PDB file of N, CA and C in Angstrom:
ATOM      1  N   MET A   1       6.689   1.152   2.307  1.00  0.00           N
ATOM      2  CA  MET A   1       6.396   2.013   1.229  1.00  0.00           C
ATOM      3  C   MET A   1       6.799   1.382  -0.054  1.00  0.00           C
ATOM      4  N   ARG A   2       6.111   1.837  -1.184  1.00  0.00           N
ATOM      5  CA  ARG A   2       6.386   1.329  -2.490  1.00  0.00           C
ATOM      6  C   ARG A   2       7.634   1.931  -3.020  1.00  0.00           C
ATOM      7  N   ILE A   3       8.194   1.364  -4.133  1.00  0.00           N
ATOM      8  CA  ILE A   3       9.429   1.762  -4.784  1.00  0.00           C
ATOM      9  C   ILE A   3       9.382   3.258  -5.155  1.00  0.00           C
ATOM     10  N   GLY A   4       8.297   3.726  -5.694  1.00  0.00           N
ATOM     11  CA  GLY A   4       8.220   5.116  -6.200  1.00  0.00           C
ATOM     12  C   GLY A   4       8.320   6.079  -5.023  1.00  0.00           C
ATOM     13  N   ASP A   5       7.718   5.729  -3.941  1.00  0.00           N
ATOM     14  CA  ASP A   5       7.752   6.641  -2.710  1.00  0.00           C
ATOM     15  C   ASP A   5       9.199   6.624  -2.114  1.00  0.00           C
ATOM     16  N   ALA A   6       9.778   5.464  -2.113  1.00  0.00           N
ATOM     17  CA  ALA A   6      11.196   5.313  -1.553  1.00  0.00           C
ATOM     18  C   ALA A   6      12.191   6.126  -2.473  1.00  0.00           C
ATOM     19  N   ALA A   7      11.999   5.960  -3.773  1.00  0.00           N
ATOM     20  CA  ALA A   7      12.855   6.653  -4.758  1.00  0.00           C
ATOM     21  C   ALA A   7      12.737   8.181  -4.580  1.00  0.00           C
ATOM     22  N   ARG A   8      11.497   8.655  -4.487  1.00  0.00           N
ATOM     23  CA  ARG A   8      11.337  10.144  -4.249  1.00  0.00           C
ATOM     24  C   ARG A   8      11.970  10.606  -2.960  1.00  0.00           C
ATOM     25  N   LEU A   9      11.831   9.777  -1.917  1.00  0.00           N
ATOM     26  CA  LEU A   9      12.354  10.164  -0.602  1.00  0.00           C
ATOM     27  C   LEU A   9      13.891  10.285  -0.683  1.00  0.00           C
ATOM     28  N   ILE A  10      14.515   9.315  -1.339  1.00  0.00           N
ATOM     29  CA  ILE A  10      15.964   9.311  -1.407  1.00  0.00           C
ATOM     30  C   ILE A  10      16.496  10.191  -2.520  1.00  0.00           C
ATOM     31  N   GLY A  11      15.718  10.527  -3.512  1.00  0.00           N
ATOM     32  CA  GLY A  11      16.093  11.410  -4.606  1.00  0.00           C
ATOM     33  C   GLY A  11      16.747  10.688  -5.765  1.00  0.00           C
ATOM     34  N   VAL A  12      16.303   9.475  -6.023  1.00  0.00           N
ATOM     35  CA  VAL A  12      16.850   8.766  -7.212  1.00  0.00           C
ATOM     36  C   VAL A  12      15.634   8.203  -8.021  1.00  0.00           C
ATOM     37  N   PRO A  13      15.861   7.916  -9.275  1.00  0.00           N
ATOM     38  CA  PRO A  13      14.865   7.285 -10.125  1.00  0.00           C
ATOM     39  C   PRO A  13      14.578   5.849  -9.585  1.00  0.00           C
ATOM     40  N   THR A  14      13.376   5.334  -9.935  1.00  0.00           N
ATOM     41  CA  THR A  14      13.004   3.997  -9.458  1.00  0.00           C
ATOM     42  C   THR A  14      13.878   2.957 -10.080  1.00  0.00           C
ATOM     43  N   HIS A  15      14.416   3.126 -11.281  1.00  0.00           N
ATOM     44  CA  HIS A  15      15.306   2.143 -11.887  1.00  0.00           C
ATOM     45  C   HIS A  15      16.593   1.969 -11.087  1.00  0.00           C
ATOM     46  N   VAL A  16      17.028   3.004 -10.372  1.00  0.00           N
ATOM     47  CA  VAL A  16      18.226   2.902  -9.543  1.00  0.00           C
ATOM     48  C   VAL A  16      17.927   1.934  -8.341  1.00  0.00           C
ATOM     49  N   LEU A  17      16.773   2.117  -7.754  1.00  0.00           N
ATOM     50  CA  LEU A  17      16.426   1.187  -6.680  1.00  0.00           C
ATOM     51  C   LEU A  17      16.315  -0.297  -7.164  1.00  0.00           C
ATOM     52  N   ARG A  18      15.790  -0.463  -8.374  1.00  0.00           N
ATOM     53  CA  ARG A  18      15.688  -1.810  -8.870  1.00  0.00           C
ATOM     54  C   ARG A  18      17.114  -2.354  -9.124  1.00  0.00           C
ATOM     55  N   HIS A  19      17.999  -1.568  -9.637  1.00  0.00           N
ATOM     56  CA  HIS A  19      19.361  -1.977  -9.846  1.00  0.00           C
ATOM     57  C   HIS A  19      20.060  -2.325  -8.587  1.00  0.00           C
ATOM     58  N   TRP A  20      19.886  -1.506  -7.574  1.00  0.00           N
ATOM     59  CA  TRP A  20      20.453  -1.808  -6.183  1.00  0.00           C
ATOM     60  C   TRP A  20      19.918  -3.121  -5.655  1.00  0.00           C
ATOM     61  N   ASP A  21      18.646  -3.389  -5.897  1.00  0.00           N
ATOM     62  CA  ASP A  21      18.030  -4.621  -5.480  1.00  0.00           C
ATOM     63  C   ASP A  21      18.680  -5.822  -6.246  1.00  0.00           C
ATOM     64  N   ASP A  22      18.794  -5.611  -7.603  1.00  0.00           N
ATOM     65  CA  ASP A  22      19.454  -6.682  -8.443  1.00  0.00           C
ATOM     66  C   ASP A  22      20.851  -6.971  -8.021  1.00  0.00           C
ATOM     67  N   MET A  23      21.559  -5.947  -7.587  1.00  0.00           N
ATOM     68  CA  MET A  23      22.970  -6.102  -7.148  1.00  0.00           C
ATOM     69  C   MET A  23      23.036  -6.573  -5.690  1.00  0.00           C
ATOM     70  N   GLY A  24      21.950  -6.730  -4.998  1.00  0.00           N
ATOM     71  CA  GLY A  24      21.963  -7.311  -3.668  1.00  0.00           C
ATOM     72  C   GLY A  24      22.410  -6.276  -2.565  1.00  0.00           C
ATOM     73  N   VAL A  25      22.426  -4.977  -2.888  1.00  0.00           N
ATOM     74  CA  VAL A  25      22.858  -4.007  -1.875  1.00  0.00           C
ATOM     75  C   VAL A  25      21.705  -3.701  -0.977  1.00  0.00           C
ATOM     76  N   VAL A  26      20.501  -3.593  -1.487  1.00  0.00           N
ATOM     77  CA  VAL A  26      19.326  -3.380  -0.709  1.00  0.00           C
ATOM     78  C   VAL A  26      18.266  -4.395  -1.161  1.00  0.00           C
ATOM     79  N   SER A  27      17.688  -5.119  -0.303  1.00  0.00           N
ATOM     80  CA  SER A  27      16.711  -6.165  -0.709  1.00  0.00           C
ATOM     81  C   SER A  27      15.345  -5.899   0.048  1.00  0.00           C
ATOM     82  N   PRO A  28      14.491  -5.110  -0.653  1.00  0.00           N
ATOM     83  CA  PRO A  28      13.263  -4.896  -0.056  1.00  0.00           C
ATOM     84  C   PRO A  28      12.397  -6.136  -0.009  1.00  0.00           C
ATOM     85  N   SER A  29      11.329  -6.048   0.833  1.00  0.00           N
ATOM     86  CA  SER A  29      10.461  -7.274   0.856  1.00  0.00           C
ATOM     87  C   SER A  29       9.539  -7.076  -0.313  1.00  0.00           C
ATOM     88  N   ARG A  30       8.739  -8.080  -0.601  1.00  0.00           N
ATOM     89  CA  ARG A  30       7.841  -8.113  -1.712  1.00  0.00           C
ATOM     90  C   ARG A  30       6.402  -8.365  -1.231  1.00  0.00           C
ATOM     91  N   THR A  31       5.465  -7.712  -1.938  1.00  0.00           N
ATOM     92  CA  THR A  31       4.076  -7.957  -1.634  1.00  0.00           C
ATOM     93  C   THR A  31       3.684  -9.218  -2.290  1.00  0.00           C
ATOM     94  N   ALA A  32       2.451  -9.697  -2.047  1.00  0.00           N
ATOM     95  CA  ALA A  32       1.964 -10.901  -2.647  1.00  0.00           C
ATOM     96  C   ALA A  32       1.952 -10.816  -4.209  1.00  0.00           C
ATOM     97  N   SER A  33       1.760  -9.619  -4.674  1.00  0.00           N
ATOM     98  CA  SER A  33       1.769  -9.441  -6.123  1.00  0.00           C
ATOM     99  C   SER A  33       3.099  -9.206  -6.708  1.00  0.00           C
ATOM    100  N   GLY A  34       4.197  -9.160  -5.885  1.00  0.00           N
ATOM    101  CA  GLY A  34       5.554  -8.995  -6.318  1.00  0.00           C
ATOM    102  C   GLY A  34       6.074  -7.611  -6.303  1.00  0.00           C
ATOM    103  N   HIS A  35       5.400  -6.607  -5.830  1.00  0.00           N
ATOM    104  CA  HIS A  35       5.860  -5.298  -5.700  1.00  0.00           C
ATOM    105  C   HIS A  35       6.857  -5.132  -4.595  1.00  0.00           C
ATOM    106  N   ARG A  36       7.890  -4.329  -4.871  1.00  0.00           N
ATOM    107  CA  ARG A  36       8.861  -4.091  -3.796  1.00  0.00           C
ATOM    108  C   ARG A  36       8.234  -3.169  -2.742  1.00  0.00           C
ATOM    109  N   GLU A  37       8.543  -3.519  -1.483  1.00  0.00           N
ATOM    110  CA  GLU A  37       8.099  -2.630  -0.380  1.00  0.00           C
ATOM    111  C   GLU A  37       9.341  -2.333   0.533  1.00  0.00           C
ATOM    112  N   TYR A  38       9.561  -1.061   0.884  1.00  0.00           N
ATOM    113  CA  TYR A  38      10.645  -0.663   1.739  1.00  0.00           C
ATOM    114  C   TYR A  38      10.116  -0.213   3.096  1.00  0.00           C
ATOM    115  N   ASP A  39      10.738  -0.786   4.175  1.00  0.00           N
ATOM    116  CA  ASP A  39      10.419  -0.337   5.473  1.00  0.00           C
ATOM    117  C   ASP A  39      11.425   0.645   5.910  1.00  0.00           C
ATOM    118  N   GLU A  40      11.321   1.135   7.130  1.00  0.00           N
ATOM    119  CA  GLU A  40      12.181   2.217   7.676  1.00  0.00           C
ATOM    120  C   GLU A  40      13.600   1.769   7.668  1.00  0.00           C
ATOM    121  N   GLU A  41      13.931   0.543   8.038  1.00  0.00           N
ATOM    122  CA  GLU A  41      15.300   0.052   8.009  1.00  0.00           C
ATOM    123  C   GLU A  41      15.892   0.100   6.641  1.00  0.00           C
ATOM    124  N   GLN A  42      15.132  -0.309   5.645  1.00  0.00           N
ATOM    125  CA  GLN A  42      15.640  -0.259   4.274  1.00  0.00           C
ATOM    126  C   GLN A  42      15.839   1.149   3.767  1.00  0.00           C
ATOM    127  N   VAL A  43      14.949   2.052   4.227  1.00  0.00           N
ATOM    128  CA  VAL A  43      15.094   3.471   3.818  1.00  0.00           C
ATOM    129  C   VAL A  43      16.395   4.046   4.463  1.00  0.00           C
ATOM    130  N   ARG A  44      16.643   3.676   5.692  1.00  0.00           N
ATOM    131  CA  ARG A  44      17.949   4.070   6.330  1.00  0.00           C
ATOM    132  C   ARG A  44      19.132   3.522   5.542  1.00  0.00           C
ATOM    133  N   ARG A  45      19.030   2.300   5.177  1.00  0.00           N
ATOM    134  CA  ARG A  45      20.060   1.715   4.353  1.00  0.00           C
ATOM    135  C   ARG A  45      20.207   2.379   3.039  1.00  0.00           C
ATOM    136  N   LEU A  46      19.160   2.804   2.392  1.00  0.00           N
ATOM    137  CA  LEU A  46      19.198   3.596   1.132  1.00  0.00           C
ATOM    138  C   LEU A  46      19.982   4.893   1.343  1.00  0.00           C
ATOM    139  N   ARG A  47      19.672   5.519   2.508  1.00  0.00           N
ATOM    140  CA  ARG A  47      20.318   6.878   2.843  1.00  0.00           C
ATOM    141  C   ARG A  47      21.853   6.661   2.992  1.00  0.00           C
ATOM    142  N   VAL A  48      22.162   5.599   3.729  1.00  0.00           N
ATOM    143  CA  VAL A  48      23.570   5.300   3.988  1.00  0.00           C
ATOM    144  C   VAL A  48      24.245   4.937   2.675  1.00  0.00           C
ATOM    145  N   LEU A  49      23.581   4.212   1.773  1.00  0.00           N
ATOM    146  CA  LEU A  49      24.059   3.906   0.471  1.00  0.00           C
ATOM    147  C   LEU A  49      24.383   5.114  -0.273  1.00  0.00           C
ATOM    148  N   ARG A  50      23.410   6.116  -0.314  1.00  0.00           N
ATOM    149  CA  ARG A  50      23.701   7.359  -1.015  1.00  0.00           C
ATOM    150  C   ARG A  50      24.920   8.132  -0.427  1.00  0.00           C
ATOM    151  N   ALA A  51      25.018   8.121   0.930  1.00  0.00           N
ATOM    152  CA  ALA A  51      26.202   8.819   1.548  1.00  0.00           C
ATOM    153  C   ALA A  51      27.484   8.055   1.087  1.00  0.00           C
ATOM    154  N   CYS A  52      27.437   6.794   0.998  1.00  0.00           N
ATOM    155  CA  CYS A  52      28.637   6.058   0.567  1.00  0.00           C
ATOM    156  C   CYS A  52      29.005   6.423  -0.887  1.00  0.00           C
ATOM    157  N   GLN A  53      27.944   6.561  -1.699  1.00  0.00           N
ATOM    158  CA  GLN A  53      28.215   6.942  -3.104  1.00  0.00           C
ATOM    159  C   GLN A  53      28.769   8.357  -3.139  1.00  0.00           C
ATOM    160  N   GLU A  54      28.325   9.232  -2.278  1.00  0.00           N
ATOM    161  CA  GLU A  54      28.829  10.629  -2.227  1.00  0.00           C
ATOM    162  C   GLU A  54      30.300  10.744  -1.950  1.00  0.00           C
ATOM    163  N   VAL A  55      30.815   9.689  -1.203  1.00  0.00           N
ATOM    164  CA  VAL A  55      32.241   9.762  -0.907  1.00  0.00           C
ATOM    165  C   VAL A  55      32.938   8.904  -1.908  1.00  0.00           C
ATOM    166  N   GLY A  56      32.322   8.474  -2.993  1.00  0.00           N
ATOM    167  CA  GLY A  56      32.972   7.810  -4.125  1.00  0.00           C
ATOM    168  C   GLY A  56      33.051   6.293  -4.138  1.00  0.00           C
ATOM    169  N   LEU A  57      32.316   5.693  -3.220  1.00  0.00           N
ATOM    170  CA  LEU A  57      32.392   4.239  -3.187  1.00  0.00           C
ATOM    171  C   LEU A  57      31.475   3.591  -4.310  1.00  0.00           C
ATOM    172  N   SER A  58      31.980   2.555  -4.873  1.00  0.00           N
ATOM    173  CA  SER A  58      31.202   1.766  -5.903  1.00  0.00           C
ATOM    174  C   SER A  58      30.151   0.884  -5.189  1.00  0.00           C
ATOM    175  N   LEU A  59      29.251   0.308  -5.838  1.00  0.00           N
ATOM    176  CA  LEU A  59      28.254  -0.569  -5.276  1.00  0.00           C
ATOM    177  C   LEU A  59      28.970  -1.752  -4.657  1.00  0.00           C
ATOM    178  N   GLY A  60      29.896  -2.320  -5.285  1.00  0.00           N
ATOM    179  CA  GLY A  60      30.637  -3.442  -4.774  1.00  0.00           C
ATOM    180  C   GLY A  60      31.357  -3.056  -3.460  1.00  0.00           C
ATOM    181  N   GLU A  61      31.971  -1.896  -3.401  1.00  0.00           N
ATOM    182  CA  GLU A  61      32.637  -1.445  -2.165  1.00  0.00           C
ATOM    183  C   GLU A  61      31.566  -1.153  -1.146  1.00  0.00           C
ATOM    184  N   ILE A  62      30.481  -0.606  -1.449  1.00  0.00           N
ATOM    185  CA  ILE A  62      29.376  -0.322  -0.515  1.00  0.00           C
ATOM    186  C   ILE A  62      28.898  -1.625   0.114  1.00  0.00           C
ATOM    187  N   ARG A  63      28.777  -2.679  -0.651  1.00  0.00           N
ATOM    188  CA  ARG A  63      28.282  -3.965  -0.116  1.00  0.00           C
ATOM    189  C   ARG A  63      29.215  -4.403   0.941  1.00  0.00           C
ATOM    190  N   LEU A  64      30.596  -4.170   0.726  1.00  0.00           N
ATOM    191  CA  LEU A  64      31.520  -4.556   1.819  1.00  0.00           C
ATOM    192  C   LEU A  64      31.418  -3.667   2.997  1.00  0.00           C
ATOM    193  N   VAL A  65      31.206  -2.397   2.798  1.00  0.00           N
ATOM    194  CA  VAL A  65      31.251  -1.363   3.897  1.00  0.00           C
ATOM    195  C   VAL A  65      30.038  -1.518   4.801  1.00  0.00           C
ATOM    196  N   LEU A  66      28.950  -1.897   4.224  1.00  0.00           N
ATOM    197  CA  LEU A  66      27.681  -1.915   4.986  1.00  0.00           C
ATOM    198  C   LEU A  66      27.695  -2.890   6.148  1.00  0.00           C
ATOM    199  N   HIS A  67      28.470  -3.966   5.970  1.00  0.00           N
ATOM    200  CA  HIS A  67      28.548  -4.992   7.018  1.00  0.00           C
ATOM    201  C   HIS A  67      29.921  -5.055   7.681  1.00  0.00           C
ATOM    202  N   ARG A  68      29.869  -4.795   9.006  1.00  0.00           N
ATOM    203  CA  ARG A  68      31.176  -4.618   9.778  1.00  0.00           C
ATOM    204  C   ARG A  68      32.140  -5.802   9.566  1.00  0.00           C
ATOM    205  N   ASP A  69      31.566  -6.977   9.513  1.00  0.00           N
ATOM    206  CA  ASP A  69      32.457  -8.264   9.505  1.00  0.00           C
ATOM    207  C   ASP A  69      32.883  -8.684   8.133  1.00  0.00           C
ATOM    208  N   GLU A  70      32.561  -7.904   7.104  1.00  0.00           N
ATOM    209  CA  GLU A  70      32.947  -8.305   5.706  1.00  0.00           C
ATOM    210  C   GLU A  70      34.434  -8.314   5.527  1.00  0.00           C
ATOM    211  N   ALA A  71      34.986  -9.383   4.937  1.00  0.00           N
ATOM    212  CA  ALA A  71      36.400  -9.385   4.551  1.00  0.00           C
ATOM    213  C   ALA A  71      36.684  -8.317   3.534  1.00  0.00           C
ATOM    214  N   GLY A  72      37.712  -7.540   3.765  1.00  0.00           N
ATOM    215  CA  GLY A  72      38.174  -6.536   2.810  1.00  0.00           C
ATOM    216  C   GLY A  72      37.608  -5.144   3.168  1.00  0.00           C
ATOM    217  N   ARG A  73      36.673  -5.064   4.119  1.00  0.00           N
ATOM    218  CA  ARG A  73      36.023  -3.812   4.465  1.00  0.00           C
ATOM    219  C   ARG A  73      37.033  -2.744   4.855  1.00  0.00           C
ATOM    220  N   ALA A  74      37.938  -3.103   5.790  1.00  0.00           N
ATOM    221  CA  ALA A  74      38.901  -2.105   6.289  1.00  0.00           C
ATOM    222  C   ALA A  74      39.793  -1.645   5.152  1.00  0.00           C
ATOM    223  N   GLN A  75      40.196  -2.501   4.220  1.00  0.00           N
ATOM    224  CA  GLN A  75      41.046  -2.112   3.157  1.00  0.00           C
ATOM    225  C   GLN A  75      40.290  -1.142   2.244  1.00  0.00           C
ATOM    226  N   VAL A  76      39.055  -1.387   1.900  1.00  0.00           N
ATOM    227  CA  VAL A  76      38.205  -0.484   1.086  1.00  0.00           C
ATOM    228  C   VAL A  76      38.156   0.887   1.730  1.00  0.00           C
ATOM    229  N   ILE A  77      37.892   0.952   2.987  1.00  0.00           N
ATOM    230  CA  ILE A  77      37.783   2.240   3.733  1.00  0.00           C
ATOM    231  C   ILE A  77      39.137   2.913   3.754  1.00  0.00           C
ATOM    232  N   GLU A  78      40.188   2.194   3.951  1.00  0.00           N
ATOM    233  CA  GLU A  78      41.471   2.891   3.958  1.00  0.00           C
ATOM    234  C   GLU A  78      41.940   3.392   2.696  1.00  0.00           C
ATOM    235  N   GLU A  79      41.648   2.664   1.562  1.00  0.00           N
ATOM    236  CA  GLU A  79      41.928   3.131   0.217  1.00  0.00           C
ATOM    237  C   GLU A  79      41.123   4.396  -0.088  1.00  0.00           C
ATOM    238  N   ARG A  80      39.855   4.374   0.235  1.00  0.00           N
ATOM    239  CA  ARG A  80      39.022   5.552  -0.020  1.00  0.00           C
ATOM    240  C   ARG A  80      39.528   6.781   0.789  1.00  0.00           C
ATOM    241  N   LEU A  81      39.866   6.573   2.058  1.00  0.00           N
ATOM    242  CA  LEU A  81      40.470   7.673   2.935  1.00  0.00           C
ATOM    243  C   LEU A  81      41.719   8.193   2.255  1.00  0.00           C
ATOM    244  N   SER A  82      42.570   7.355   1.796  1.00  0.00           N
ATOM    245  CA  SER A  82      43.842   7.697   1.158  1.00  0.00           C
ATOM    246  C   SER A  82      43.570   8.622  -0.056  1.00  0.00           C
ATOM    247  N   ARG A  83      42.621   8.162  -0.895  1.00  0.00           N
ATOM    248  CA  ARG A  83      42.316   8.983  -2.068  1.00  0.00           C
ATOM    249  C   ARG A  83      41.723  10.318  -1.712  1.00  0.00           C
ATOM    250  N   ILE A  84      40.890  10.298  -0.664  1.00  0.00           N
ATOM    251  CA  ILE A  84      40.238  11.597  -0.232  1.00  0.00           C
ATOM    252  C   ILE A  84      41.372  12.563   0.298  1.00  0.00           C
ATOM    253  N   ARG A  85      42.345  12.041   1.082  1.00  0.00           N
ATOM    254  CA  ARG A  85      43.385  12.812   1.588  1.00  0.00           C
ATOM    255  C   ARG A  85      44.271  13.388   0.476  1.00  0.00           C
ATOM    256  N   ALA A  86      44.531  12.526  -0.531  1.00  0.00           N
ATOM    257  CA  ALA A  86      45.353  13.022  -1.644  1.00  0.00           C
ATOM    258  C   ALA A  86      44.599  14.072  -2.416  1.00  0.00           C
ATOM    259  N   GLN A  87      43.335  13.926  -2.579  1.00  0.00           N
ATOM    260  CA  GLN A  87      42.502  14.868  -3.289  1.00  0.00           C
ATOM    261  C   GLN A  87      42.458  16.184  -2.513  1.00  0.00           C
ATOM    262  N   ARG A  88      42.350  16.092  -1.251  1.00  0.00           N
ATOM    263  CA  ARG A  88      42.375  17.324  -0.344  1.00  0.00           C
ATOM    264  C   ARG A  88      43.674  18.064  -0.526  1.00  0.00           C
ATOM    265  N   GLU A  89      44.772  17.319  -0.595  1.00  0.00           N
ATOM    266  CA  GLU A  89      46.099  18.021  -0.777  1.00  0.00           C
ATOM    267  C   GLU A  89      46.179  18.750  -2.170  1.00  0.00           C
ATOM    268  N   ARG A  90      45.646  18.001  -3.199  1.00  0.00           N
ATOM    269  CA  ARG A  90      45.651  18.622  -4.548  1.00  0.00           C
ATOM    270  C   ARG A  90      44.706  19.842  -4.584  1.00  0.00           C
ATOM    271  N   LEU A  91      43.639  19.797  -3.818  1.00  0.00           N
ATOM    272  CA  LEU A  91      42.764  20.955  -3.833  1.00  0.00           C
ATOM    273  C   LEU A  91      43.374  22.093  -3.045  1.00  0.00           C
ATOM    274  N   ALA A  92      44.058  21.860  -2.003  1.00  0.00           N
ATOM    275  CA  ALA A  92      44.770  22.852  -1.190  1.00  0.00           C
ATOM    276  C   ALA A  92      45.875  23.518  -1.982  1.00  0.00           C
ATOM    277  N   ASP A  93      46.559  22.718  -2.805  1.00  0.00           N
ATOM    278  CA  ASP A  93      47.635  23.228  -3.626  1.00  0.00           C
ATOM    279  C   ASP A  93      47.006  24.135  -4.758  1.00  0.00           C
ATOM    280  N   ALA A  94      45.827  23.739  -5.318  1.00  0.00           N
ATOM    281  CA  ALA A  94      45.153  24.490  -6.318  1.00  0.00           C
ATOM    282  C   ALA A  94      44.627  25.797  -5.759  1.00  0.00           C
ATOM    283  N   GLU A  95      44.152  25.690  -4.481  1.00  0.00           N
ATOM    284  CA  GLU A  95      43.697  26.994  -3.895  1.00  0.00           C
ATOM    285  C   GLU A  95      44.855  27.887  -3.665  1.00  0.00           C
ATOM    286  N   SER A  96      45.977  27.436  -3.220  1.00  0.00           N
ATOM    287  CA  SER A  96      47.096  28.299  -2.949  1.00  0.00           C
ATOM    288  C   SER A  96      47.573  28.917  -4.280  1.00  0.00           C
ATOM    289  N   PHE A  97      47.627  28.103  -5.327  1.00  0.00           N
ATOM    290  CA  PHE A  97      48.036  28.630  -6.644  1.00  0.00           C
ATOM    291  C   PHE A  97      47.036  29.774  -7.080  1.00  0.00           C
ATOM    292  N   LEU A  98      45.753  29.496  -6.996  1.00  0.00           N
ATOM    293  CA  LEU A  98      44.858  30.571  -7.415  1.00  0.00           C
ATOM    294  C   LEU A  98      44.806  31.799  -6.573  1.00  0.00           C
ATOM    295  N   GLU A  99      45.044  31.632  -5.286  1.00  0.00           N
ATOM    296  CA  GLU A  99      45.167  32.726  -4.376  1.00  0.00           C
ATOM    297  C   GLU A  99      46.343  33.618  -4.780  1.00  0.00           C
ATOM    298  N   HIS A 100      47.426  32.974  -5.135  1.00  0.00           N
ATOM    299  CA  HIS A 100      48.597  33.688  -5.590  1.00  0.00           C
ATOM    300  C   HIS A 100      48.308  34.344  -6.930  1.00  0.00           C
ATOM    301  N   VAL A 101      47.723  33.642  -7.884  1.00  0.00           N
ATOM    302  CA  VAL A 101      47.450  34.200  -9.194  1.00  0.00           C
ATOM    303  C   VAL A 101      46.563  35.446  -9.097  1.00  0.00           C
ATOM    304  N   ARG A 102      45.625  35.368  -8.222  1.00  0.00           N
ATOM    305  CA  ARG A 102      44.597  36.501  -8.093  1.00  0.00           C
ATOM    306  C   ARG A 102      45.388  37.775  -7.736  1.00  0.00           C
ATOM    307  N   THR A 103      46.461  37.719  -7.006  1.00  0.00           N
ATOM    308  CA  THR A 103      47.201  38.972  -6.590  1.00  0.00           C
ATOM    309  C   THR A 103      48.567  39.074  -7.275  1.00  0.00           C
ATOM    310  N   CYS A 104      48.865  38.220  -8.204  1.00  0.00           N
ATOM    311  CA  CYS A 104      50.180  38.214  -8.870  1.00  0.00           C
ATOM    312  C   CYS A 104      50.377  39.572  -9.650  1.00  0.00           C
ATOM    313  N   ARG A 105      51.474  40.096  -9.525  1.00  0.00           N
ATOM    314  CA  ARG A 105      51.794  41.426 -10.115  1.00  0.00           C
ATOM    315  C   ARG A 105      52.603  41.300 -11.483  1.00  0.00           C
ATOM    316  N   HIS A 106      52.850  40.098 -11.899  1.00  0.00           N
ATOM    317  CA  HIS A 106      53.564  39.902 -13.157  1.00  0.00           C
ATOM    318  C   HIS A 106      52.583  40.041 -14.344  1.00  0.00           C
ATOM    319  N   ASP A 107      53.133  40.589 -15.450  1.00  0.00           N
ATOM    320  CA  ASP A 107      52.245  40.734 -16.604  1.00  0.00           C
ATOM    321  C   ASP A 107      51.896  39.376 -17.263  1.00  0.00           C
ATOM    322  N   LEU A 108      52.755  38.460 -17.075  1.00  0.00           N
ATOM    323  CA  LEU A 108      52.508  37.047 -17.592  1.00  0.00           C
ATOM    324  C   LEU A 108      52.857  36.113 -16.458  1.00  0.00           C
ATOM    325  N   LEU A 109      52.027  35.115 -16.216  1.00  0.00           N
ATOM    326  CA  LEU A 109      52.265  34.205 -15.128  1.00  0.00           C
ATOM    327  C   LEU A 109      53.533  33.431 -15.320  1.00  0.00           C
ATOM    328  N   THR A 110      53.893  33.231 -16.617  1.00  0.00           N
ATOM    329  CA  THR A 110      55.156  32.472 -16.909  1.00  0.00           C
ATOM    330  C   THR A 110      56.406  33.188 -16.445  1.00  0.00           C
ATOM    331  N   ARG A 111      56.244  34.521 -16.148  1.00  0.00           N
ATOM    332  CA  ARG A 111      57.419  35.351 -15.660  1.00  0.00           C
ATOM    333  C   ARG A 111      57.448  35.437 -14.131  1.00  0.00           C
ATOM    334  N   CYS A 112      56.547  34.778 -13.515  1.00  0.00           N
ATOM    335  CA  CYS A 112      56.469  34.866 -12.010  1.00  0.00           C
ATOM    336  C   CYS A 112      57.110  33.610 -11.512  1.00  0.00           C
ATOM    337  N   PRO A 113      58.100  33.772 -10.595  1.00  0.00           N
ATOM    338  CA  PRO A 113      58.820  32.588 -10.000  1.00  0.00           C
ATOM    339  C   PRO A 113      57.813  31.798  -9.222  1.00  0.00           C
ATOM    340  N   ALA A 114      56.940  32.380  -8.471  1.00  0.00           N
ATOM    341  CA  ALA A 114      56.003  31.659  -7.602  1.00  0.00           C
ATOM    342  C   ALA A 114      55.056  30.876  -8.468  1.00  0.00           C
ATOM    343  N   CYS A 115      54.496  31.395  -9.574  1.00  0.00           N
ATOM    344  CA  CYS A 115      53.589  30.695 -10.418  1.00  0.00           C
ATOM    345  C   CYS A 115      54.328  29.536 -11.066  1.00  0.00           C
ATOM    346  N   SER A 116      55.559  29.748 -11.441  1.00  0.00           N
ATOM    347  CA  SER A 116      56.377  28.648 -12.104  1.00  0.00           C
ATOM    348  C   SER A 116      56.622  27.572 -11.065  1.00  0.00           C
ATOM    349  N   ARG A 117      56.867  27.930  -9.820  1.00  0.00           N
ATOM    350  CA  ARG A 117      57.049  26.903  -8.759  1.00  0.00           C
ATOM    351  C   ARG A 117      55.827  26.016  -8.643  1.00  0.00           C
ATOM    352  N   PHE A 118      54.658  26.652  -8.634  1.00  0.00           N
ATOM    353  CA  PHE A 118      53.388  25.810  -8.588  1.00  0.00           C
ATOM    354  C   PHE A 118      53.302  24.883  -9.771  1.00  0.00           C
ATOM    355  N   ALA A 119      53.713  25.399 -10.970  1.00  0.00           N
ATOM    356  CA  ALA A 119      53.641  24.629 -12.173  1.00  0.00           C
ATOM    357  C   ALA A 119      54.633  23.472 -12.064  1.00  0.00           C
ATOM    358  N   ASP A 120      55.815  23.706 -11.541  1.00  0.00           N
ATOM    359  CA  ASP A 120      56.827  22.655 -11.465  1.00  0.00           C
ATOM    360  C   ASP A 120      56.429  21.606 -10.490  1.00  0.00           C
ATOM    361  N   GLU A 121      55.627  21.963  -9.445  1.00  0.00           N
ATOM    362  CA  GLU A 121      55.224  20.980  -8.446  1.00  0.00           C
ATOM    363  C   GLU A 121      54.123  20.103  -8.926  1.00  0.00           C
ATOM    364  N   GLY A 122      53.324  20.587  -9.842  1.00  0.00           N
ATOM    365  CA  GLY A 122      52.110  19.792 -10.407  1.00  0.00           C
ATOM    366  C   GLY A 122      52.570  18.707 -11.162  1.00  0.00           C
TER     367      GLY A 122
END
């Protein structure tokens, strides 16, 4: 399929696919006239690339993650997992704080020991 069709299917502008090609993350084949053509394997790769972006990986990191035998792949994955876990903890703390604030009986949050505890922990 042509670049416009692949871009619509993946949900990105065509210039993004051109950039990914320039960066060597996805290398579509070319027609005799030089147009990019994407086969099913490349479309799957585009979908995986988008999933990697959704979890916060950069194109350089994605290039490492796509190939199992790449040096540094495990480290990139571990670092991303660590950041996700830390973010999850921060979100859980934020949720606990807001759940408390929603039912807090103090006229000012600064007078509430529980609210102050959350503020001190942040």
